[in-house]
Amino acid sequence: MLFGNKVFVEFQGAFTEQYVMQQLKPMDIPIYYWANDTATQEIDFLIQVEDRVIPVEVKASVNVKAKSLQNFVSSNPDLKGLRFSMLPYTDQGWMENVPLFGISAYLKPGKE
């Protein structure tokens, strides 16, 4: 059992990103990935919901620094970031945080 715990701790970010992908895929949302040329910054998912392009950051815990997302949104001021994490819903103006359990409700068709 110790091995199982170690694997989860080591790969919890990847597992959480996989969970988000599994939530997005059945919604037929176009999903992309972005990294800058030097691979020092990345956006976990770039999605399109209706006519809105949304950069998405996924966080597996409550440590939710999103420097790449903040830089990306600053460089693309027409966009608003979205972070899925373990924290409750928060609108910070440039970005919204949505709890992981609320992905499908947040992105449901027709939501403004």
PDB file of N, CA and C in Angstrom:
ATOM      1  N   MET A   1       0.821  -1.188   0.000  1.00  0.00           N
ATOM      2  CA  MET A   1       0.000   0.000   0.000  1.00  0.00           C
ATOM      3  C   MET A   1       0.864   1.250   0.000  1.00  0.00           C
ATOM      4  N   LEU A   2       2.023   1.209   0.599  1.00  0.00           N
ATOM      5  CA  LEU A   2       2.911   2.360   0.621  1.00  0.00           C
ATOM      6  C   LEU A   2       3.280   2.785  -0.792  1.00  0.00           C
ATOM      7  N   PHE A   3       3.519   1.817  -1.673  1.00  0.00           N
ATOM      8  CA  PHE A   3       3.863   2.136  -3.060  1.00  0.00           C
ATOM      9  C   PHE A   3       2.733   2.915  -3.719  1.00  0.00           C
ATOM     10  N   GLY A   4       1.491   2.506  -3.500  1.00  0.00           N
ATOM     11  CA  GLY A   4       0.342   3.191  -4.080  1.00  0.00           C
ATOM     12  C   GLY A   4       0.258   4.641  -3.635  1.00  0.00           C
ATOM     13  N   ASN A   5       0.488   4.900  -2.361  1.00  0.00           N
ATOM     14  CA  ASN A   5       0.472   6.268  -1.858  1.00  0.00           C
ATOM     15  C   ASN A   5       1.576   7.099  -2.487  1.00  0.00           C
ATOM     16  N   LYS A   6       2.748   6.531  -2.634  1.00  0.00           N
ATOM     17  CA  LYS A   6       3.873   7.251  -3.219  1.00  0.00           C
ATOM     18  C   LYS A   6       3.591   7.597  -4.678  1.00  0.00           C
ATOM     19  N   VAL A   7       2.997   6.683  -5.416  1.00  0.00           N
ATOM     20  CA  VAL A   7       2.656   6.943  -6.815  1.00  0.00           C
ATOM     21  C   VAL A   7       1.658   8.085  -6.907  1.00  0.00           C
ATOM     22  N   PHE A   8       0.642   8.091  -6.040  1.00  0.00           N
ATOM     23  CA  PHE A   8      -0.341   9.158  -6.100  1.00  0.00           C
ATOM     24  C   PHE A   8       0.291  10.512  -5.784  1.00  0.00           C
ATOM     25  N   VAL A   9       1.127  10.561  -4.768  1.00  0.00           N
ATOM     26  CA  VAL A   9       1.777  11.820  -4.407  1.00  0.00           C
ATOM     27  C   VAL A   9       2.664  12.288  -5.545  1.00  0.00           C
ATOM     28  N   GLU A  10       3.421  11.382  -6.117  1.00  0.00           N
ATOM     29  CA  GLU A  10       4.345  11.731  -7.200  1.00  0.00           C
ATOM     30  C   GLU A  10       3.610  12.237  -8.444  1.00  0.00           C
ATOM     31  N   PHE A  11       2.480  11.642  -8.762  1.00  0.00           N
ATOM     32  CA  PHE A  11       1.781  11.953 -10.008  1.00  0.00           C
ATOM     33  C   PHE A  11       0.411  12.610  -9.804  1.00  0.00           C
ATOM     34  N   GLN A  12       0.159  13.197  -8.643  1.00  0.00           N
ATOM     35  CA  GLN A  12      -1.171  13.755  -8.385  1.00  0.00           C
ATOM     36  C   GLN A  12      -1.540  14.851  -9.384  1.00  0.00           C
ATOM     37  N   GLY A  13      -0.571  15.634  -9.842  1.00  0.00           N
ATOM     38  CA  GLY A  13      -0.855  16.658 -10.852  1.00  0.00           C
ATOM     39  C   GLY A  13      -1.307  16.044 -12.161  1.00  0.00           C
ATOM     40  N   ALA A  14      -0.608  15.009 -12.600  1.00  0.00           N
ATOM     41  CA  ALA A  14      -0.969  14.336 -13.847  1.00  0.00           C
ATOM     42  C   ALA A  14      -2.324  13.644 -13.719  1.00  0.00           C
ATOM     43  N   PHE A  15      -2.584  13.032 -12.574  1.00  0.00           N
ATOM     44  CA  PHE A  15      -3.880  12.377 -12.359  1.00  0.00           C
ATOM     45  C   PHE A  15      -5.015  13.408 -12.378  1.00  0.00           C
ATOM     46  N   THR A  16      -4.771  14.571 -11.782  1.00  0.00           N
ATOM     47  CA  THR A  16      -5.795  15.614 -11.741  1.00  0.00           C
ATOM     48  C   THR A  16      -6.048  16.172 -13.136  1.00  0.00           C
ATOM     49  N   GLU A  17      -4.987  16.377 -13.915  1.00  0.00           N
ATOM     50  CA  GLU A  17      -5.165  16.826 -15.300  1.00  0.00           C
ATOM     51  C   GLU A  17      -5.941  15.783 -16.103  1.00  0.00           C
ATOM     52  N   GLN A  18      -5.668  14.507 -15.872  1.00  0.00           N
ATOM     53  CA  GLN A  18      -6.396  13.443 -16.559  1.00  0.00           C
ATOM     54  C   GLN A  18      -7.878  13.473 -16.187  1.00  0.00           C
ATOM     55  N   TYR A  19      -8.166  13.716 -14.905  1.00  0.00           N
ATOM     56  CA  TYR A  19      -9.551  13.829 -14.455  1.00  0.00           C
ATOM     57  C   TYR A  19     -10.264  14.965 -15.187  1.00  0.00           C
ATOM     58  N   VAL A  20      -9.608  16.119 -15.285  1.00  0.00           N
ATOM     59  CA  VAL A  20     -10.214  17.256 -15.970  1.00  0.00           C
ATOM     60  C   VAL A  20     -10.451  16.918 -17.434  1.00  0.00           C
ATOM     61  N   MET A  21      -9.484  16.283 -18.080  1.00  0.00           N
ATOM     62  CA  MET A  21      -9.647  15.877 -19.485  1.00  0.00           C
ATOM     63  C   MET A  21     -10.856  14.947 -19.631  1.00  0.00           C
ATOM     64  N   GLN A  22     -11.029  14.028 -18.692  1.00  0.00           N
ATOM     65  CA  GLN A  22     -12.167  13.104 -18.751  1.00  0.00           C
ATOM     66  C   GLN A  22     -13.498  13.835 -18.562  1.00  0.00           C
ATOM     67  N   GLN A  23     -13.494  14.952 -17.856  1.00  0.00           N
ATOM     68  CA  GLN A  23     -14.705  15.754 -17.709  1.00  0.00           C
ATOM     69  C   GLN A  23     -15.001  16.559 -18.976  1.00  0.00           C
ATOM     70  N   LEU A  24     -13.946  17.056 -19.638  1.00  0.00           N
ATOM     71  CA  LEU A  24     -14.109  17.899 -20.821  1.00  0.00           C
ATOM     72  C   LEU A  24     -14.450  17.103 -22.076  1.00  0.00           C
ATOM     73  N   LYS A  25     -13.854  15.949 -22.234  1.00  0.00           N
ATOM     74  CA  LYS A  25     -13.974  15.186 -23.482  1.00  0.00           C
ATOM     75  C   LYS A  25     -15.422  14.868 -23.862  1.00  0.00           C
ATOM     76  N   PRO A  26     -16.270  14.396 -22.958  1.00  0.00           N
ATOM     77  CA  PRO A  26     -17.651  14.090 -23.350  1.00  0.00           C
ATOM     78  C   PRO A  26     -18.479  15.324 -23.735  1.00  0.00           C
ATOM     79  N   MET A  27     -17.987  16.523 -23.406  1.00  0.00           N
ATOM     80  CA  MET A  27     -18.715  17.746 -23.734  1.00  0.00           C
ATOM     81  C   MET A  27     -18.434  18.212 -25.160  1.00  0.00           C
ATOM     82  N   ASP A  28     -17.599  17.482 -25.884  1.00  0.00           N
ATOM     83  CA  ASP A  28     -17.212  17.860 -27.250  1.00  0.00           C
ATOM     84  C   ASP A  28     -16.647  19.275 -27.320  1.00  0.00           C
ATOM     85  N   ILE A  29     -15.859  19.629 -26.327  1.00  0.00           N
ATOM     86  CA  ILE A  29     -15.188  20.927 -26.284  1.00  0.00           C
ATOM     87  C   ILE A  29     -13.830  20.770 -26.967  1.00  0.00           C
ATOM     88  N   PRO A  30     -13.507  21.639 -27.941  1.00  0.00           N
ATOM     89  CA  PRO A  30     -12.157  21.586 -28.523  1.00  0.00           C
ATOM     90  C   PRO A  30     -11.114  21.852 -27.430  1.00  0.00           C
ATOM     91  N   ILE A  31     -10.112  20.970 -27.354  1.00  0.00           N
ATOM     92  CA  ILE A  31      -9.111  21.040 -26.290  1.00  0.00           C
ATOM     93  C   ILE A  31      -7.721  21.118 -26.915  1.00  0.00           C
ATOM     94  N   TYR A  32      -6.939  22.093 -26.450  1.00  0.00           N
ATOM     95  CA  TYR A  32      -5.569  22.279 -26.930  1.00  0.00           C
ATOM     96  C   TYR A  32      -4.641  22.474 -25.742  1.00  0.00           C
ATOM     97  N   TYR A  33      -3.343  22.425 -26.027  1.00  0.00           N
ATOM     98  CA  TYR A  33      -2.293  22.650 -25.035  1.00  0.00           C
ATOM     99  C   TYR A  33      -1.401  23.751 -25.568  1.00  0.00           C
ATOM    100  N   TRP A  34      -0.831  24.581 -24.683  1.00  0.00           N
ATOM    101  CA  TRP A  34       0.077  25.636 -25.122  1.00  0.00           C
ATOM    102  C   TRP A  34       1.301  25.674 -24.229  1.00  0.00           C
ATOM    103  N   ALA A  35       2.472  25.853 -24.851  1.00  0.00           N
ATOM    104  CA  ALA A  35       3.723  26.120 -24.133  1.00  0.00           C
ATOM    105  C   ALA A  35       4.489  27.146 -24.940  1.00  0.00           C
ATOM    106  N   ASN A  36       5.246  28.012 -24.251  1.00  0.00           N
ATOM    107  CA  ASN A  36       6.041  28.980 -24.996  1.00  0.00           C
ATOM    108  C   ASN A  36       7.235  28.288 -25.647  1.00  0.00           C
ATOM    109  N   ASP A  37       7.968  29.000 -26.482  1.00  0.00           N
ATOM    110  CA  ASP A  37       9.059  28.402 -27.255  1.00  0.00           C
ATOM    111  C   ASP A  37      10.156  27.802 -26.396  1.00  0.00           C
ATOM    112  N   THR A  38      10.359  28.340 -25.207  1.00  0.00           N
ATOM    113  CA  THR A  38      11.421  27.820 -24.339  1.00  0.00           C
ATOM    114  C   THR A  38      10.901  26.790 -23.338  1.00  0.00           C
ATOM    115  N   ALA A  39       9.629  26.494 -23.392  1.00  0.00           N
ATOM    116  CA  ALA A  39       8.976  25.517 -22.505  1.00  0.00           C
ATOM    117  C   ALA A  39       9.093  25.901 -21.028  1.00  0.00           C
ATOM    118  N   THR A  40       9.218  27.193 -20.750  1.00  0.00           N
ATOM    119  CA  THR A  40       9.262  27.643 -19.364  1.00  0.00           C
ATOM    120  C   THR A  40       7.874  27.982 -18.835  1.00  0.00           C
ATOM    121  N   GLN A  41       6.917  28.122 -19.744  1.00  0.00           N
ATOM    122  CA  GLN A  41       5.542  28.378 -19.349  1.00  0.00           C
ATOM    123  C   GLN A  41       4.626  27.476 -20.164  1.00  0.00           C
ATOM    124  N   GLU A  42       3.543  27.034 -19.515  1.00  0.00           N
ATOM    125  CA  GLU A  42       2.566  26.201 -20.201  1.00  0.00           C
ATOM    126  C   GLU A  42       1.175  26.500 -19.691  1.00  0.00           C
ATOM    127  N   ILE A  43       0.220  26.228 -20.549  1.00  0.00           N
ATOM    128  CA  ILE A  43      -1.191  26.278 -20.176  1.00  0.00           C
ATOM    129  C   ILE A  43      -1.698  24.847 -20.338  1.00  0.00           C
ATOM    130  N   ASP A  44      -2.259  24.288 -19.260  1.00  0.00           N
ATOM    131  CA  ASP A  44      -2.671  22.887 -19.282  1.00  0.00           C
ATOM    132  C   ASP A  44      -3.662  22.598 -20.393  1.00  0.00           C
ATOM    133  N   PHE A  45      -4.666  23.453 -20.538  1.00  0.00           N
ATOM    134  CA  PHE A  45      -5.662  23.292 -21.592  1.00  0.00           C
ATOM    135  C   PHE A  45      -6.050  24.664 -22.124  1.00  0.00           C
ATOM    136  N   LEU A  46      -6.203  24.755 -23.419  1.00  0.00           N
ATOM    137  CA  LEU A  46      -6.880  25.885 -24.049  1.00  0.00           C
ATOM    138  C   LEU A  46      -8.151  25.294 -24.615  1.00  0.00           C
ATOM    139  N   ILE A  47      -9.296  25.789 -24.167  1.00  0.00           N
ATOM    140  CA  ILE A  47     -10.561  25.224 -24.623  1.00  0.00           C
ATOM    141  C   ILE A  47     -11.392  26.314 -25.279  1.00  0.00           C
ATOM    142  N   GLN A  48     -12.361  25.883 -26.071  1.00  0.00           N
ATOM    143  CA  GLN A  48     -13.292  26.823 -26.667  1.00  0.00           C
ATOM    144  C   GLN A  48     -14.702  26.397 -26.304  1.00  0.00           C
ATOM    145  N   VAL A  49     -15.420  27.303 -25.648  1.00  0.00           N
ATOM    146  CA  VAL A  49     -16.813  27.079 -25.274  1.00  0.00           C
ATOM    147  C   VAL A  49     -17.623  28.156 -25.973  1.00  0.00           C
ATOM    148  N   GLU A  50     -18.453  27.709 -26.921  1.00  0.00           N
ATOM    149  CA  GLU A  50     -19.196  28.615 -27.795  1.00  0.00           C
ATOM    150  C   GLU A  50     -18.185  29.546 -28.467  1.00  0.00           C
ATOM    151  N   ASP A  51     -18.273  30.857 -28.304  1.00  0.00           N
ATOM    152  CA  ASP A  51     -17.326  31.753 -28.977  1.00  0.00           C
ATOM    153  C   ASP A  51     -16.213  32.234 -28.046  1.00  0.00           C
ATOM    154  N   ARG A  52     -16.065  31.607 -26.897  1.00  0.00           N
ATOM    155  CA  ARG A  52     -15.084  32.025 -25.890  1.00  0.00           C
ATOM    156  C   ARG A  52     -13.903  31.051 -25.839  1.00  0.00           C
ATOM    157  N   VAL A  53     -12.694  31.572 -25.981  1.00  0.00           N
ATOM    158  CA  VAL A  53     -11.466  30.792 -25.800  1.00  0.00           C
ATOM    159  C   VAL A  53     -11.030  30.982 -24.356  1.00  0.00           C
ATOM    160  N   ILE A  54     -10.742  29.856 -23.667  1.00  0.00           N
ATOM    161  CA  ILE A  54     -10.448  29.910 -22.239  1.00  0.00           C
ATOM    162  C   ILE A  54      -9.139  29.179 -21.943  1.00  0.00           C
ATOM    163  N   PRO A  55      -8.136  29.889 -21.411  1.00  0.00           N
ATOM    164  CA  PRO A  55      -6.937  29.209 -20.927  1.00  0.00           C
ATOM    165  C   PRO A  55      -7.231  28.594 -19.558  1.00  0.00           C
ATOM    166  N   VAL A  56      -6.882  27.317 -19.389  1.00  0.00           N
ATOM    167  CA  VAL A  56      -7.230  26.581 -18.172  1.00  0.00           C
ATOM    168  C   VAL A  56      -5.969  26.062 -17.485  1.00  0.00           C
ATOM    169  N   GLU A  57      -5.892  26.295 -16.201  1.00  0.00           N
ATOM    170  CA  GLU A  57      -4.831  25.756 -15.352  1.00  0.00           C
ATOM    171  C   GLU A  57      -5.489  24.764 -14.401  1.00  0.00           C
ATOM    172  N   VAL A  58      -4.827  23.633 -14.173  1.00  0.00           N
ATOM    173  CA  VAL A  58      -5.346  22.602 -13.274  1.00  0.00           C
ATOM    174  C   VAL A  58      -4.382  22.465 -12.105  1.00  0.00           C
ATOM    175  N   LYS A  59      -4.912  22.507 -10.894  1.00  0.00           N
ATOM    176  CA  LYS A  59      -4.102  22.353  -9.691  1.00  0.00           C
ATOM    177  C   LYS A  59      -4.663  21.216  -8.858  1.00  0.00           C
ATOM    178  N   ALA A  60      -3.762  20.356  -8.383  1.00  0.00           N
ATOM    179  CA  ALA A  60      -4.174  19.162  -7.651  1.00  0.00           C
ATOM    180  C   ALA A  60      -4.358  19.410  -6.157  1.00  0.00           C
ATOM    181  N   SER A  61      -3.916  20.547  -5.671  1.00  0.00           N
ATOM    182  CA  SER A  61      -4.011  20.795  -4.235  1.00  0.00           C
ATOM    183  C   SER A  61      -4.461  22.231  -3.997  1.00  0.00           C
ATOM    184  N   VAL A  62      -4.249  22.712  -2.792  1.00  0.00           N
ATOM    185  CA  VAL A  62      -4.623  24.082  -2.475  1.00  0.00           C
ATOM    186  C   VAL A  62      -3.485  25.065  -2.741  1.00  0.00           C
ATOM    187  N   ASN A  63      -2.319  24.583  -3.126  1.00  0.00           N
ATOM    188  CA  ASN A  63      -1.233  25.455  -3.573  1.00  0.00           C
ATOM    189  C   ASN A  63      -1.537  25.793  -5.027  1.00  0.00           C
ATOM    190  N   VAL A  64      -2.071  26.982  -5.263  1.00  0.00           N
ATOM    191  CA  VAL A  64      -2.654  27.277  -6.571  1.00  0.00           C
ATOM    192  C   VAL A  64      -1.970  28.417  -7.322  1.00  0.00           C
ATOM    193  N   LYS A  65      -0.700  28.630  -7.080  1.00  0.00           N
ATOM    194  CA  LYS A  65      -0.016  29.653  -7.860  1.00  0.00           C
ATOM    195  C   LYS A  65      -0.137  29.310  -9.330  1.00  0.00           C
ATOM    196  N   ALA A  66      -0.475  30.296 -10.129  1.00  0.00           N
ATOM    197  CA  ALA A  66      -0.701  30.069 -11.553  1.00  0.00           C
ATOM    198  C   ALA A  66       0.031  31.145 -12.355  1.00  0.00           C
ATOM    199  N   LYS A  67       1.349  31.189 -12.204  1.00  0.00           N
ATOM    200  CA  LYS A  67       2.146  32.227 -12.841  1.00  0.00           C
ATOM    201  C   LYS A  67       2.044  32.161 -14.364  1.00  0.00           C
ATOM    202  N   SER A  68       2.104  30.973 -14.935  1.00  0.00           N
ATOM    203  CA  SER A  68       1.989  30.842 -16.393  1.00  0.00           C
ATOM    204  C   SER A  68       0.637  31.342 -16.881  1.00  0.00           C
ATOM    205  N   LEU A  69      -0.418  30.993 -16.155  1.00  0.00           N
ATOM    206  CA  LEU A  69      -1.761  31.436 -16.535  1.00  0.00           C
ATOM    207  C   LEU A  69      -1.859  32.956 -16.445  1.00  0.00           C
ATOM    208  N   GLN A  70      -1.332  33.531 -15.379  1.00  0.00           N
ATOM    209  CA  GLN A  70      -1.388  34.978 -15.215  1.00  0.00           C
ATOM    210  C   GLN A  70      -0.611  35.683 -16.333  1.00  0.00           C
ATOM    211  N   ASN A  71       0.564  35.184 -16.678  1.00  0.00           N
ATOM    212  CA  ASN A  71       1.349  35.770 -17.769  1.00  0.00           C
ATOM    213  C   ASN A  71       0.624  35.641 -19.106  1.00  0.00           C
ATOM    214  N   PHE A  72       0.015  34.483 -19.337  1.00  0.00           N
ATOM    215  CA  PHE A  72      -0.700  34.243 -20.592  1.00  0.00           C
ATOM    216  C   PHE A  72      -1.883  35.203 -20.730  1.00  0.00           C
ATOM    217  N   VAL A  73      -2.654  35.360 -19.666  1.00  0.00           N
ATOM    218  CA  VAL A  73      -3.810  36.262 -19.699  1.00  0.00           C
ATOM    219  C   VAL A  73      -3.344  37.713 -19.844  1.00  0.00           C
ATOM    220  N   SER A  74      -2.256  38.069 -19.183  1.00  0.00           N
ATOM    221  CA  SER A  74      -1.717  39.435 -19.320  1.00  0.00           C
ATOM    222  C   SER A  74      -1.312  39.725 -20.762  1.00  0.00           C
ATOM    223  N   SER A  75      -0.796  38.706 -21.439  1.00  0.00           N
ATOM    224  CA  SER A  75      -0.381  38.864 -22.835  1.00  0.00           C
ATOM    225  C   SER A  75      -1.556  38.796 -23.803  1.00  0.00           C
ATOM    226  N   ASN A  76      -2.688  38.310 -23.337  1.00  0.00           N
ATOM    227  CA  ASN A  76      -3.901  38.171 -24.156  1.00  0.00           C
ATOM    228  C   ASN A  76      -5.071  38.762 -23.377  1.00  0.00           C
ATOM    229  N   PRO A  77      -5.135  40.101 -23.268  1.00  0.00           N
ATOM    230  CA  PRO A  77      -6.107  40.736 -22.367  1.00  0.00           C
ATOM    231  C   PRO A  77      -7.575  40.510 -22.716  1.00  0.00           C
ATOM    232  N   ASP A  78      -7.866  39.979 -23.899  1.00  0.00           N
ATOM    233  CA  ASP A  78      -9.263  39.668 -24.234  1.00  0.00           C
ATOM    234  C   ASP A  78      -9.722  38.368 -23.582  1.00  0.00           C
ATOM    235  N   LEU A  79      -8.791  37.621 -23.001  1.00  0.00           N
ATOM    236  CA  LEU A  79      -9.116  36.329 -22.403  1.00  0.00           C
ATOM    237  C   LEU A  79      -9.226  36.442 -20.890  1.00  0.00           C
ATOM    238  N   LYS A  80     -10.017  35.540 -20.313  1.00  0.00           N
ATOM    239  CA  LYS A  80     -10.117  35.410 -18.861  1.00  0.00           C
ATOM    240  C   LYS A  80      -9.727  33.986 -18.516  1.00  0.00           C
ATOM    241  N   GLY A  81      -8.819  33.832 -17.573  1.00  0.00           N
ATOM    242  CA  GLY A  81      -8.332  32.508 -17.202  1.00  0.00           C
ATOM    243  C   GLY A  81      -9.324  31.732 -16.356  1.00  0.00           C
ATOM    244  N   LEU A  82      -9.110  30.430 -16.326  1.00  0.00           N
ATOM    245  CA  LEU A  82      -9.938  29.519 -15.543  1.00  0.00           C
ATOM    246  C   LEU A  82      -9.007  28.532 -14.866  1.00  0.00           C
ATOM    247  N   ARG A  83      -9.186  28.369 -13.558  1.00  0.00           N
ATOM    248  CA  ARG A  83      -8.376  27.407 -12.811  1.00  0.00           C
ATOM    249  C   ARG A  83      -9.318  26.415 -12.150  1.00  0.00           C
ATOM    250  N   PHE A  84      -9.051  25.133 -12.338  1.00  0.00           N
ATOM    251  CA  PHE A  84      -9.765  24.079 -11.630  1.00  0.00           C
ATOM    252  C   PHE A  84      -8.855  23.604 -10.512  1.00  0.00           C
ATOM    253  N   SER A  85      -9.382  23.607  -9.270  1.00  0.00           N
ATOM    254  CA  SER A  85      -8.555  23.213  -8.127  1.00  0.00           C
ATOM    255  C   SER A  85      -9.450  22.699  -6.997  1.00  0.00           C
ATOM    256  N   MET A  86      -8.833  22.474  -5.850  1.00  0.00           N
ATOM    257  CA  MET A  86      -9.556  22.016  -4.665  1.00  0.00           C
ATOM    258  C   MET A  86     -10.189  23.175  -3.890  1.00  0.00           C
ATOM    259  N   LEU A  87      -9.923  24.412  -4.311  1.00  0.00           N
ATOM    260  CA  LEU A  87     -10.470  25.580  -3.622  1.00  0.00           C
ATOM    261  C   LEU A  87     -11.907  25.855  -4.068  1.00  0.00           C
ATOM    262  N   PRO A  88     -12.659  26.617  -3.289  1.00  0.00           N
ATOM    263  CA  PRO A  88     -14.029  26.971  -3.689  1.00  0.00           C
ATOM    264  C   PRO A  88     -14.024  27.989  -4.826  1.00  0.00           C
ATOM    265  N   TYR A  89     -15.212  28.242  -5.372  1.00  0.00           N
ATOM    266  CA  TYR A  89     -15.341  29.202  -6.464  1.00  0.00           C
ATOM    267  C   TYR A  89     -14.888  30.586  -6.012  1.00  0.00           C
ATOM    268  N   THR A  90     -14.082  31.221  -6.862  1.00  0.00           N
ATOM    269  CA  THR A  90     -13.619  32.587  -6.637  1.00  0.00           C
ATOM    270  C   THR A  90     -13.454  33.270  -7.989  1.00  0.00           C
ATOM    271  N   ASP A  91     -13.909  34.506  -8.092  1.00  0.00           N
ATOM    272  CA  ASP A  91     -13.685  35.302  -9.294  1.00  0.00           C
ATOM    273  C   ASP A  91     -12.681  36.382  -8.931  1.00  0.00           C
ATOM    274  N   GLN A  92     -11.501  36.315  -9.524  1.00  0.00           N
ATOM    275  CA  GLN A  92     -10.441  37.278  -9.231  1.00  0.00           C
ATOM    276  C   GLN A  92     -10.328  38.346 -10.321  1.00  0.00           C
ATOM    277  N   GLY A  93     -11.317  38.436 -11.175  1.00  0.00           N
ATOM    278  CA  GLY A  93     -11.293  39.417 -12.254  1.00  0.00           C
ATOM    279  C   GLY A  93     -10.615  38.873 -13.502  1.00  0.00           C
ATOM    280  N   TRP A  94      -9.330  38.646 -13.443  1.00  0.00           N
ATOM    281  CA  TRP A  94      -8.590  38.123 -14.596  1.00  0.00           C
ATOM    282  C   TRP A  94      -8.733  36.606 -14.735  1.00  0.00           C
ATOM    283  N   MET A  95      -9.228  35.959 -13.652  1.00  0.00           N
ATOM    284  CA  MET A  95      -9.309  34.501 -13.624  1.00  0.00           C
ATOM    285  C   MET A  95     -10.383  34.074 -12.633  1.00  0.00           C
ATOM    286  N   GLU A  96     -11.057  32.958 -12.962  1.00  0.00           N
ATOM    287  CA  GLU A  96     -12.010  32.350 -12.031  1.00  0.00           C
ATOM    288  C   GLU A  96     -11.458  31.021 -11.562  1.00  0.00           C
ATOM    289  N   ASN A  97     -11.650  30.718 -10.288  1.00  0.00           N
ATOM    290  CA  ASN A  97     -11.315  29.402  -9.757  1.00  0.00           C
ATOM    291  C   ASN A  97     -12.608  28.621  -9.597  1.00  0.00           C
ATOM    292  N   VAL A  98     -12.638  27.427 -10.135  1.00  0.00           N
ATOM    293  CA  VAL A  98     -13.805  26.543 -10.035  1.00  0.00           C
ATOM    294  C   VAL A  98     -13.342  25.251  -9.374  1.00  0.00           C
ATOM    295  N   PRO A  99     -14.070  24.774  -8.353  1.00  0.00           N
ATOM    296  CA  PRO A  99     -13.691  23.505  -7.725  1.00  0.00           C
ATOM    297  C   PRO A  99     -13.754  22.360  -8.737  1.00  0.00           C
ATOM    298  N   LEU A 100     -12.888  21.386  -8.552  1.00  0.00           N
ATOM    299  CA  LEU A 100     -12.820  20.260  -9.481  1.00  0.00           C
ATOM    300  C   LEU A 100     -14.169  19.573  -9.663  1.00  0.00           C
ATOM    301  N   PHE A 101     -14.972  19.514  -8.614  1.00  0.00           N
ATOM    302  CA  PHE A 101     -16.265  18.837  -8.744  1.00  0.00           C
ATOM    303  C   PHE A 101     -17.274  19.638  -9.566  1.00  0.00           C
ATOM    304  N   GLY A 102     -16.965  20.903  -9.874  1.00  0.00           N
ATOM    305  CA  GLY A 102     -17.919  21.747 -10.572  1.00  0.00           C
ATOM    306  C   GLY A 102     -17.639  21.966 -12.053  1.00  0.00           C
ATOM    307  N   ILE A 103     -16.743  21.199 -12.621  1.00  0.00           N
ATOM    308  CA  ILE A 103     -16.334  21.417 -14.012  1.00  0.00           C
ATOM    309  C   ILE A 103     -17.519  21.372 -14.965  1.00  0.00           C
ATOM    310  N   SER A 104     -18.268  20.296 -14.952  1.00  0.00           N
ATOM    311  CA  SER A 104     -19.352  20.146 -15.934  1.00  0.00           C
ATOM    312  C   SER A 104     -20.453  21.174 -15.729  1.00  0.00           C
ATOM    313  N   ALA A 105     -20.755  21.523 -14.481  1.00  0.00           N
ATOM    314  CA  ALA A 105     -21.790  22.539 -14.235  1.00  0.00           C
ATOM    315  C   ALA A 105     -21.327  23.909 -14.712  1.00  0.00           C
ATOM    316  N   TYR A 106     -20.052  24.224 -14.514  1.00  0.00           N
ATOM    317  CA  TYR A 106     -19.537  25.522 -14.940  1.00  0.00           C
ATOM    318  C   TYR A 106     -19.537  25.664 -16.459  1.00  0.00           C
ATOM    319  N   LEU A 107     -19.212  24.594 -17.161  1.00  0.00           N
ATOM    320  CA  LEU A 107     -19.065  24.644 -18.609  1.00  0.00           C
ATOM    321  C   LEU A 107     -20.302  24.192 -19.380  1.00  0.00           C
ATOM    322  N   LYS A 108     -21.420  23.972 -18.689  1.00  0.00           N
ATOM    323  CA  LYS A 108     -22.612  23.483 -19.385  1.00  0.00           C
ATOM    324  C   LYS A 108     -23.019  24.444 -20.501  1.00  0.00           C
ATOM    325  N   PRO A 109     -23.570  23.927 -21.592  1.00  0.00           N
ATOM    326  CA  PRO A 109     -23.970  24.763 -22.728  1.00  0.00           C
ATOM    327  C   PRO A 109     -24.948  25.858 -22.299  1.00  0.00           C
ATOM    328  N   GLY A 110     -24.770  27.040 -22.900  1.00  0.00           N
ATOM    329  CA  GLY A 110     -25.671  28.147 -22.630  1.00  0.00           C
ATOM    330  C   GLY A 110     -25.297  28.974 -21.423  1.00  0.00           C
ATOM    331  N   LYS A 111     -24.271  28.549 -20.648  1.00  0.00           N
ATOM    332  CA  LYS A 111     -23.854  29.327 -19.498  1.00  0.00           C
ATOM    333  C   LYS A 111     -23.119  30.569 -19.972  1.00  0.00           C
ATOM    334  N   GLU A 112     -23.445  31.702 -19.442  1.00  0.00           N
ATOM    335  CA  GLU A 112     -22.811  32.973 -19.831  1.00  0.00           C
ATOM    336  C   GLU A 112     -21.577  33.192 -19.009  1.00  0.00           C
TER     337      GLU A 112
END
